[in-house]
Amino acid sequence: MRLSKEEKALKLEGWKLSGKSIGEYAKEQGINPYTFRGWVNRETKVVSGFVEIPNKANHEKEQFNGICFEKGGIKIFVTISVWVQHSKSILEGIKAAL
């Protein structure tokens, strides 16, 4: 089954909003996880070098369980589960922004 560019974009957007891993989301959608990872990799290279990570956490300090990066009034909150899966990409994005 081949998907159009529009259909792929919708699947990628659905994944971003889901907060699920690439493999988990791909399996739920009936897409080969290796194929879906290729779509994600191509999209993130085209966009900016940053990887958008879906946000489900409540960032109130007393309720947030994760890591906070802060510089110049900008705060980046990362949950532990997201950090474990995407730490390399997060650090590369922060380094590029500085």
N, C-alpha and C. Protein backbone atom coordinates (compact mmCIF):
# COMPACT_ATOMS: atom_id res chain seq x y z
N MET A 1 0.85 -1.18 0.00
CA MET A 1 0.00 0.00 0.00
C MET A 1 0.89 1.24 0.00
N ARG A 2 0.81 2.05 -1.05
CA ARG A 2 1.56 3.30 -1.13
C ARG A 2 0.67 4.44 -0.69
N LEU A 3 1.26 5.33 0.10
CA LEU A 3 0.52 6.49 0.56
C LEU A 3 0.99 7.74 -0.18
N SER A 4 0.08 8.66 -0.40
CA SER A 4 0.43 9.92 -1.03
C SER A 4 1.23 10.78 -0.04
N LYS A 5 1.83 11.85 -0.53
CA LYS A 5 2.56 12.76 0.35
C LYS A 5 1.65 13.32 1.42
N GLU A 6 0.42 13.63 1.05
CA GLU A 6 -0.55 14.17 2.01
C GLU A 6 -0.90 13.16 3.09
N GLU A 7 -1.07 11.90 2.68
CA GLU A 7 -1.38 10.85 3.65
C GLU A 7 -0.21 10.61 4.60
N LYS A 8 1.01 10.64 4.06
CA LYS A 8 2.20 10.48 4.91
C LYS A 8 2.28 11.63 5.91
N ALA A 9 2.02 12.85 5.43
CA ALA A 9 2.07 14.02 6.31
C ALA A 9 1.04 13.88 7.44
N LEU A 10 -0.15 13.38 7.12
CA LEU A 10 -1.18 13.18 8.14
C LEU A 10 -0.74 12.13 9.16
N LYS A 11 -0.12 11.05 8.68
CA LYS A 11 0.37 10.01 9.60
C LYS A 11 1.47 10.57 10.50
N LEU A 12 2.38 11.36 9.92
CA LEU A 12 3.45 11.95 10.73
C LEU A 12 2.89 12.91 11.77
N GLU A 13 1.92 13.71 11.39
CA GLU A 13 1.30 14.64 12.34
C GLU A 13 0.58 13.86 13.44
N GLY A 14 -0.10 12.79 13.06
CA GLY A 14 -0.78 11.94 14.04
C GLY A 14 0.21 11.35 15.04
N TRP A 15 1.36 10.94 14.54
CA TRP A 15 2.39 10.39 15.43
C TRP A 15 2.89 11.46 16.41
N LYS A 16 3.16 12.66 15.89
CA LYS A 16 3.65 13.74 16.76
C LYS A 16 2.68 14.02 17.89
N LEU A 17 1.41 14.02 17.57
CA LEU A 17 0.39 14.34 18.57
C LEU A 17 0.12 13.17 19.52
N SER A 18 0.46 11.97 19.09
CA SER A 18 0.14 10.78 19.90
C SER A 18 1.03 10.61 21.13
N GLY A 19 2.27 11.09 21.05
CA GLY A 19 3.20 10.88 22.16
C GLY A 19 3.75 9.47 22.22
N LYS A 20 3.48 8.68 21.20
CA LYS A 20 3.93 7.29 21.18
C LYS A 20 5.27 7.16 20.47
N SER A 21 5.93 6.05 20.70
CA SER A 21 7.18 5.78 19.99
C SER A 21 6.88 5.56 18.51
N ILE A 22 7.91 5.67 17.69
CA ILE A 22 7.75 5.45 16.26
C ILE A 22 7.23 4.05 15.99
N GLY A 23 7.86 3.06 16.63
CA GLY A 23 7.45 1.67 16.42
C GLY A 23 6.03 1.39 16.85
N GLU A 24 5.67 1.90 18.02
CA GLU A 24 4.32 1.67 18.54
C GLU A 24 3.26 2.29 17.62
N TYR A 25 3.49 3.53 17.22
CA TYR A 25 2.52 4.21 16.36
C TYR A 25 2.42 3.53 15.00
N ALA A 26 3.58 3.18 14.42
CA ALA A 26 3.58 2.54 13.10
C ALA A 26 2.80 1.23 13.13
N LYS A 27 3.02 0.41 14.14
CA LYS A 27 2.31 -0.86 14.24
C LYS A 27 0.81 -0.65 14.34
N GLU A 28 0.39 0.35 15.15
CA GLU A 28 -1.04 0.65 15.29
C GLU A 28 -1.65 1.08 13.97
N GLN A 29 -0.86 1.75 13.13
CA GLN A 29 -1.36 2.26 11.85
C GLN A 29 -1.19 1.27 10.71
N GLY A 30 -0.59 0.11 10.99
CA GLY A 30 -0.39 -0.90 9.96
C GLY A 30 0.73 -0.55 9.00
N ILE A 31 1.72 0.22 9.49
CA ILE A 31 2.86 0.63 8.67
C ILE A 31 4.10 -0.08 9.19
N ASN A 32 4.95 -0.52 8.30
CA ASN A 32 6.20 -1.14 8.71
C ASN A 32 6.99 -0.10 9.54
N PRO A 33 7.40 -0.45 10.76
CA PRO A 33 8.12 0.51 11.61
C PRO A 33 9.39 1.06 10.97
N TYR A 34 10.11 0.26 10.18
CA TYR A 34 11.32 0.76 9.53
C TYR A 34 10.98 1.79 8.44
N THR A 35 9.91 1.55 7.75
CA THR A 35 9.44 2.51 6.74
C THR A 35 9.05 3.82 7.40
N PHE A 36 8.28 3.71 8.49
CA PHE A 36 7.81 4.91 9.18
C PHE A 36 9.00 5.70 9.76
N ARG A 37 9.98 5.00 10.31
CA ARG A 37 11.17 5.68 10.83
C ARG A 37 11.89 6.45 9.71
N GLY A 38 11.91 5.90 8.53
CA GLY A 38 12.49 6.59 7.38
C GLY A 38 11.74 7.89 7.08
N TRP A 39 10.41 7.85 7.15
CA TRP A 39 9.61 9.06 6.94
C TRP A 39 9.96 10.11 7.98
N VAL A 40 10.04 9.67 9.24
CA VAL A 40 10.35 10.60 10.33
C VAL A 40 11.73 11.21 10.13
N ASN A 41 12.71 10.37 9.79
CA ASN A 41 14.08 10.87 9.59
C ASN A 41 14.15 11.87 8.44
N ARG A 42 13.47 11.57 7.34
CA ARG A 42 13.47 12.49 6.20
C ARG A 42 12.81 13.81 6.57
N GLU A 43 11.72 13.76 7.30
CA GLU A 43 11.02 14.99 7.67
C GLU A 43 11.86 15.84 8.61
N THR A 44 12.49 15.24 9.60
CA THR A 44 13.25 16.02 10.57
C THR A 44 14.50 16.64 9.94
N LYS A 45 15.08 15.98 8.94
CA LYS A 45 16.24 16.55 8.25
C LYS A 45 15.83 17.75 7.42
N VAL A 46 14.64 17.70 6.83
CA VAL A 46 14.16 18.78 5.98
C VAL A 46 13.77 19.99 6.81
N VAL A 47 13.16 19.77 7.96
CA VAL A 47 12.59 20.86 8.73
C VAL A 47 13.66 21.80 9.26
N SER A 48 14.49 21.37 10.20
CA SER A 48 15.45 22.31 10.76
C SER A 48 16.55 21.66 11.58
N GLY A 49 16.54 20.38 11.70
CA GLY A 49 17.52 19.75 12.57
C GLY A 49 16.95 19.51 13.97
N PHE A 50 15.82 20.11 14.27
CA PHE A 50 15.15 19.89 15.54
C PHE A 50 14.16 18.76 15.38
N VAL A 51 13.92 18.05 16.43
CA VAL A 51 12.91 17.01 16.43
C VAL A 51 11.81 17.48 17.36
N GLU A 52 10.60 17.62 16.81
CA GLU A 52 9.48 18.02 17.65
C GLU A 52 9.04 16.81 18.44
N ILE A 53 8.91 16.99 19.73
CA ILE A 53 8.52 15.90 20.61
C ILE A 53 7.17 16.24 21.21
N PRO A 54 6.19 15.37 21.02
CA PRO A 54 4.86 15.66 21.54
C PRO A 54 4.89 15.91 23.04
N ASN A 55 4.07 16.85 23.48
CA ASN A 55 4.06 17.26 24.87
C ASN A 55 2.76 16.82 25.52
N LYS A 56 2.87 15.95 26.49
CA LYS A 56 1.70 15.54 27.25
C LYS A 56 1.83 15.96 28.72
N ALA A 57 3.00 16.42 29.10
CA ALA A 57 3.27 16.71 30.50
C ALA A 57 2.64 18.03 30.92
N ASN A 58 2.23 18.10 32.16
CA ASN A 58 1.79 19.34 32.76
C ASN A 58 3.05 19.98 33.32
N HIS A 59 3.39 21.17 32.84
CA HIS A 59 4.66 21.76 33.21
C HIS A 59 4.61 22.61 34.47
N GLU A 60 3.62 22.42 35.29
CA GLU A 60 3.64 23.08 36.60
C GLU A 60 4.79 22.46 37.38
N LYS A 61 5.62 23.30 37.98
CA LYS A 61 6.84 22.80 38.63
C LYS A 61 6.55 21.70 39.63
N GLU A 62 5.50 21.86 40.42
CA GLU A 62 5.25 20.86 41.45
C GLU A 62 4.70 19.55 40.88
N GLN A 63 4.23 19.54 39.62
CA GLN A 63 3.67 18.33 39.04
C GLN A 63 4.57 17.74 37.95
N PHE A 64 5.59 18.46 37.55
CA PHE A 64 6.43 18.02 36.44
C PHE A 64 7.50 17.06 36.92
N ASN A 65 7.63 15.92 36.26
CA ASN A 65 8.64 14.93 36.59
C ASN A 65 9.55 14.75 35.38
N GLY A 66 10.61 15.54 35.35
CA GLY A 66 11.50 15.45 34.22
C GLY A 66 12.67 16.39 34.35
N ILE A 67 13.17 16.86 33.22
CA ILE A 67 14.37 17.70 33.16
C ILE A 67 13.97 19.04 32.56
N CYS A 68 14.55 20.11 33.10
CA CYS A 68 14.29 21.44 32.57
C CYS A 68 15.62 22.07 32.18
N PHE A 69 15.72 22.51 30.92
CA PHE A 69 16.87 23.26 30.45
C PHE A 69 16.44 24.72 30.39
N GLU A 70 17.27 25.62 30.91
CA GLU A 70 16.90 27.03 30.91
C GLU A 70 18.08 27.88 30.52
N LYS A 71 17.84 28.85 29.62
CA LYS A 71 18.87 29.80 29.22
C LYS A 71 18.18 31.03 28.67
N GLY A 72 18.57 32.17 29.17
CA GLY A 72 18.06 33.43 28.64
C GLY A 72 16.55 33.55 28.67
N GLY A 73 15.93 33.05 29.68
CA GLY A 73 14.48 33.15 29.80
C GLY A 73 13.71 32.09 29.03
N ILE A 74 14.40 31.22 28.33
CA ILE A 74 13.75 30.14 27.60
C ILE A 74 13.88 28.86 28.41
N LYS A 75 12.76 28.20 28.63
CA LYS A 75 12.76 26.94 29.37
C LYS A 75 12.28 25.83 28.45
N ILE A 76 13.01 24.73 28.52
CA ILE A 76 12.62 23.54 27.77
C ILE A 76 12.42 22.43 28.78
N PHE A 77 11.19 21.93 28.86
CA PHE A 77 10.86 20.85 29.78
C PHE A 77 10.83 19.54 29.00
N VAL A 78 11.45 18.52 29.55
CA VAL A 78 11.49 17.22 28.90
C VAL A 78 11.15 16.15 29.94
N THR A 79 10.13 15.37 29.67
CA THR A 79 9.78 14.30 30.60
C THR A 79 10.86 13.22 30.56
N ILE A 80 10.94 12.46 31.61
CA ILE A 80 11.95 11.40 31.70
C ILE A 80 11.78 10.40 30.56
N SER A 81 10.54 10.00 30.26
CA SER A 81 10.33 9.00 29.21
C SER A 81 10.77 9.54 27.85
N VAL A 82 10.53 10.82 27.58
CA VAL A 82 10.96 11.42 26.32
C VAL A 82 12.48 11.54 26.29
N TRP A 83 13.07 11.93 27.43
CA TRP A 83 14.53 12.06 27.51
C TRP A 83 15.22 10.73 27.18
N VAL A 84 14.69 9.65 27.72
CA VAL A 84 15.29 8.33 27.51
C VAL A 84 15.25 7.97 26.02
N GLN A 85 14.16 8.30 25.34
CA GLN A 85 14.03 7.94 23.92
C GLN A 85 14.74 8.90 22.98
N HIS A 86 14.84 10.20 23.36
CA HIS A 86 15.29 11.21 22.40
C HIS A 86 16.43 12.09 22.91
N SER A 87 17.19 11.65 23.90
CA SER A 87 18.21 12.51 24.50
C SER A 87 19.22 13.03 23.49
N LYS A 88 19.65 12.19 22.57
CA LYS A 88 20.65 12.62 21.57
C LYS A 88 20.08 13.76 20.72
N SER A 89 18.87 13.61 20.22
CA SER A 89 18.26 14.64 19.39
C SER A 89 18.02 15.93 20.18
N ILE A 90 17.62 15.79 21.43
CA ILE A 90 17.38 16.97 22.27
C ILE A 90 18.67 17.73 22.47
N LEU A 91 19.73 17.03 22.81
CA LEU A 91 21.01 17.70 23.04
C LEU A 91 21.54 18.34 21.76
N GLU A 92 21.36 17.68 20.62
CA GLU A 92 21.80 18.27 19.35
C GLU A 92 21.01 19.54 19.04
N GLY A 93 19.72 19.54 19.32
CA GLY A 93 18.89 20.71 19.09
C GLY A 93 19.27 21.86 19.99
N ILE A 94 19.53 21.57 21.26
CA ILE A 94 19.93 22.62 22.19
C ILE A 94 21.29 23.19 21.80
N LYS A 95 22.22 22.32 21.44
CA LYS A 95 23.55 22.77 21.01
C LYS A 95 23.45 23.67 19.79
N ALA A 96 22.62 23.30 18.82
CA ALA A 96 22.45 24.10 17.61
C ALA A 96 21.83 25.46 17.91
N ALA A 97 20.97 25.50 18.92
CA ALA A 97 20.28 26.75 19.26
C ALA A 97 21.20 27.72 20.00
N LEU A 98 22.23 27.21 20.64
CA LEU A 98 23.14 28.06 21.39
C LEU A 98 24.19 28.56 20.46
